[in-house]
N, C-alpha and C. Protein backbone atom coordinates (compact mmCIF):
# COMPACT_ATOMS: atom_id res chain seq x y z
N GLN A 1 3.30 2.49 8.40
CA GLN A 1 4.05 3.51 9.16
C GLN A 1 5.61 2.85 9.03
N ILE A 2 6.15 3.83 9.32
CA ILE A 2 8.16 3.84 9.15
C ILE A 2 8.93 4.07 10.82
N ALA A 3 9.86 3.61 11.12
CA ALA A 3 10.16 4.04 12.58
C ALA A 3 11.93 3.93 12.30
N ASN A 4 12.50 4.56 12.85
CA ASN A 4 13.81 3.63 13.65
C ASN A 4 14.32 2.80 14.42
N LEU A 5 14.79 1.76 13.94
CA LEU A 5 15.25 1.00 14.77
C LEU A 5 15.12 0.49 16.02
N ASP A 6 15.28 1.53 16.70
CA ASP A 6 15.18 1.52 18.49
C ASP A 6 13.19 2.54 18.63
N GLY A 7 12.59 2.70 17.64
CA GLY A 7 11.15 2.87 18.06
C GLY A 7 10.57 4.69 18.08
N THR A 8 11.78 5.04 17.26
CA THR A 8 11.64 6.32 17.88
C THR A 8 11.58 7.01 16.00
N GLY A 9 10.82 8.23 16.02
CA GLY A 9 10.64 9.12 14.68
C GLY A 9 9.71 7.82 13.79
N ASN A 10 8.58 7.37 14.57
CA ASN A 10 7.42 6.88 13.94
C ASN A 10 6.63 8.21 13.51
N ALA A 11 6.51 7.83 11.50
CA ALA A 11 5.62 8.78 11.15
C ALA A 11 5.20 7.98 9.67
N THR A 12 4.02 8.15 9.57
CA THR A 12 3.23 7.23 8.45
C THR A 12 3.87 7.82 7.22
N PHE A 13 3.91 6.37 6.35
CA PHE A 13 4.64 6.46 4.92
C PHE A 13 3.52 6.54 3.93
N ALA A 14 1.99 5.90 4.34
CA ALA A 14 1.36 6.20 3.12
C ALA A 14 -0.07 5.78 3.90
N SER A 15 -0.78 6.18 3.80
CA SER A 15 -2.46 5.77 4.52
C SER A 15 -3.01 5.78 3.18
N GLY A 16 -4.90 5.18 3.65
CA GLY A 16 -5.75 4.80 2.65
C GLY A 16 -5.72 3.23 1.61
N LEU A 17 -4.86 2.34 2.47
CA LEU A 17 -4.44 1.63 1.55
C LEU A 17 -5.55 0.07 2.38
N ARG A 18 -6.01 -0.45 2.13
CA ARG A 18 -6.72 -1.45 2.81
C ARG A 18 -6.25 -2.65 2.46
N ASN A 19 -5.42 -3.88 3.19
CA ASN A 19 -4.59 -5.23 2.37
C ASN A 19 -4.12 -4.53 1.70
N PRO A 20 -2.91 -3.84 1.66
CA PRO A 20 -2.24 -3.96 0.72
C PRO A 20 -1.00 -5.15 -0.03
N VAL A 21 -0.98 -5.57 -1.00
CA VAL A 21 -0.13 -6.86 -1.14
C VAL A 21 0.78 -6.92 -2.47
N GLY A 22 1.94 -7.31 -2.87
CA GLY A 22 2.49 -6.96 -4.10
C GLY A 22 3.09 -6.23 -4.06
N ILE A 23 3.99 -5.27 -2.90
CA ILE A 23 4.61 -4.63 -2.29
C ILE A 23 5.91 -4.68 -3.42
N ASP A 24 6.76 -3.56 -4.37
CA ASP A 24 7.85 -3.47 -4.56
C ASP A 24 7.79 -2.32 -5.16
N PHE A 25 9.42 -1.89 -5.48
CA PHE A 25 10.15 -0.78 -5.75
C PHE A 25 10.31 -1.32 -8.01
N HIS A 26 10.41 0.05 -8.42
CA HIS A 26 10.15 -0.03 -10.22
C HIS A 26 11.42 -0.09 -10.21
N PRO A 27 12.15 -1.36 -10.77
CA PRO A 27 13.98 -1.00 -11.01
C PRO A 27 14.46 0.23 -11.28
N LYS A 28 14.07 0.66 -12.44
CA LYS A 28 14.87 1.85 -12.93
C LYS A 28 14.51 3.21 -12.07
N SER A 29 13.18 3.94 -11.88
CA SER A 29 13.03 4.74 -11.02
C SER A 29 13.14 5.03 -9.64
N GLY A 30 12.87 3.02 -9.15
CA GLY A 30 13.02 3.33 -7.24
C GLY A 30 11.66 3.87 -6.84
N GLU A 31 10.28 3.78 -7.73
CA GLU A 31 9.25 4.52 -7.27
C GLU A 31 8.50 3.30 -6.64
N LEU A 32 7.72 3.16 -5.56
CA LEU A 32 7.40 2.33 -4.64
C LEU A 32 5.86 1.85 -5.55
N TYR A 33 4.86 0.66 -6.06
CA TYR A 33 3.73 0.42 -6.26
C TYR A 33 3.58 -1.03 -5.21
N VAL A 34 2.19 -0.87 -5.68
CA VAL A 34 1.79 -1.74 -4.63
C VAL A 34 0.16 -1.96 -5.41
N ALA A 35 -0.28 -3.13 -5.13
CA ALA A 35 -1.71 -3.78 -5.34
C ALA A 35 -2.43 -3.94 -3.80
N VAL A 36 -3.27 -3.16 -4.47
CA VAL A 36 -4.19 -3.31 -3.22
C VAL A 36 -5.99 -4.51 -3.27
N GLN A 37 -5.87 -5.17 -2.01
CA GLN A 37 -7.46 -5.89 -2.23
C GLN A 37 -8.12 -5.46 -1.37
N GLU A 38 -9.32 -4.97 -2.25
CA GLU A 38 -10.25 -4.68 -1.30
C GLU A 38 -11.48 -5.95 -0.46
N ARG A 39 -12.24 -5.66 -0.13
CA ARG A 39 -13.17 -6.76 0.66
C ARG A 39 -13.93 -7.39 -0.44
N ASP A 40 -13.87 -8.45 -0.09
CA ASP A 40 -14.60 -10.07 -1.59
C ASP A 40 -16.31 -10.27 -0.47
N GLU A 41 -16.78 -10.60 -1.31
CA GLU A 41 -17.86 -11.35 -1.11
C GLU A 41 -19.04 -10.78 -0.41
N LEU A 42 -18.96 -8.93 -0.83
CA LEU A 42 -19.60 -8.57 -0.49
C LEU A 42 -20.90 -7.68 -1.42
N GLY A 43 -20.78 -8.20 -2.49
CA GLY A 43 -21.83 -7.74 -3.51
C GLY A 43 -21.00 -6.78 -4.92
N ASP A 44 -21.68 -6.64 -6.11
CA ASP A 44 -20.79 -6.22 -7.06
C ASP A 44 -20.39 -4.68 -6.94
N ASP A 45 -21.33 -3.88 -5.74
CA ASP A 45 -20.69 -2.19 -5.98
C ASP A 45 -20.01 -1.88 -5.14
N LEU A 46 -18.65 -2.85 -5.11
CA LEU A 46 -17.70 -2.16 -3.99
C LEU A 46 -16.87 -1.72 -5.16
N VAL A 47 -15.58 -0.87 -4.36
CA VAL A 47 -14.39 -0.78 -4.78
C VAL A 47 -13.60 -2.13 -5.75
N PRO A 48 -13.32 -2.09 -6.83
CA PRO A 48 -12.59 -3.33 -6.99
C PRO A 48 -10.80 -3.20 -6.70
N ASP A 49 -10.28 -4.27 -6.87
CA ASP A 49 -9.15 -4.19 -6.44
C ASP A 49 -8.21 -3.29 -7.33
N TYR A 50 -6.92 -2.76 -6.86
CA TYR A 50 -6.31 -1.56 -7.75
C TYR A 50 -5.19 -2.09 -7.80
N PHE A 51 -3.95 -1.74 -8.63
CA PHE A 51 -2.94 -1.47 -8.46
C PHE A 51 -2.18 0.15 -8.52
N THR A 52 -1.20 0.45 -7.48
CA THR A 52 -1.30 1.70 -7.64
C THR A 52 0.26 2.32 -7.18
N ARG A 53 0.84 3.41 -7.28
CA ARG A 53 2.09 3.96 -7.17
C ARG A 53 1.85 5.10 -5.54
N ILE A 54 2.82 4.55 -4.74
CA ILE A 54 2.66 4.71 -3.65
C ILE A 54 3.55 6.66 -3.78
N GLN A 55 2.64 7.66 -3.56
CA GLN A 55 3.46 8.98 -3.54
C GLN A 55 3.65 9.43 -2.08
């Protein structure tokens, strides 16, 4: 979520991410990247952790 400091203008910036960590901007392009940690210890048939660009 993003919002103004006074709480107005609330909007969704990105969705569908579970436990995003390692968030950073690319130093040259300014694009936002994130590593996502999925569920742990629930078997081998789950979505793996992944690294992605936020669009």
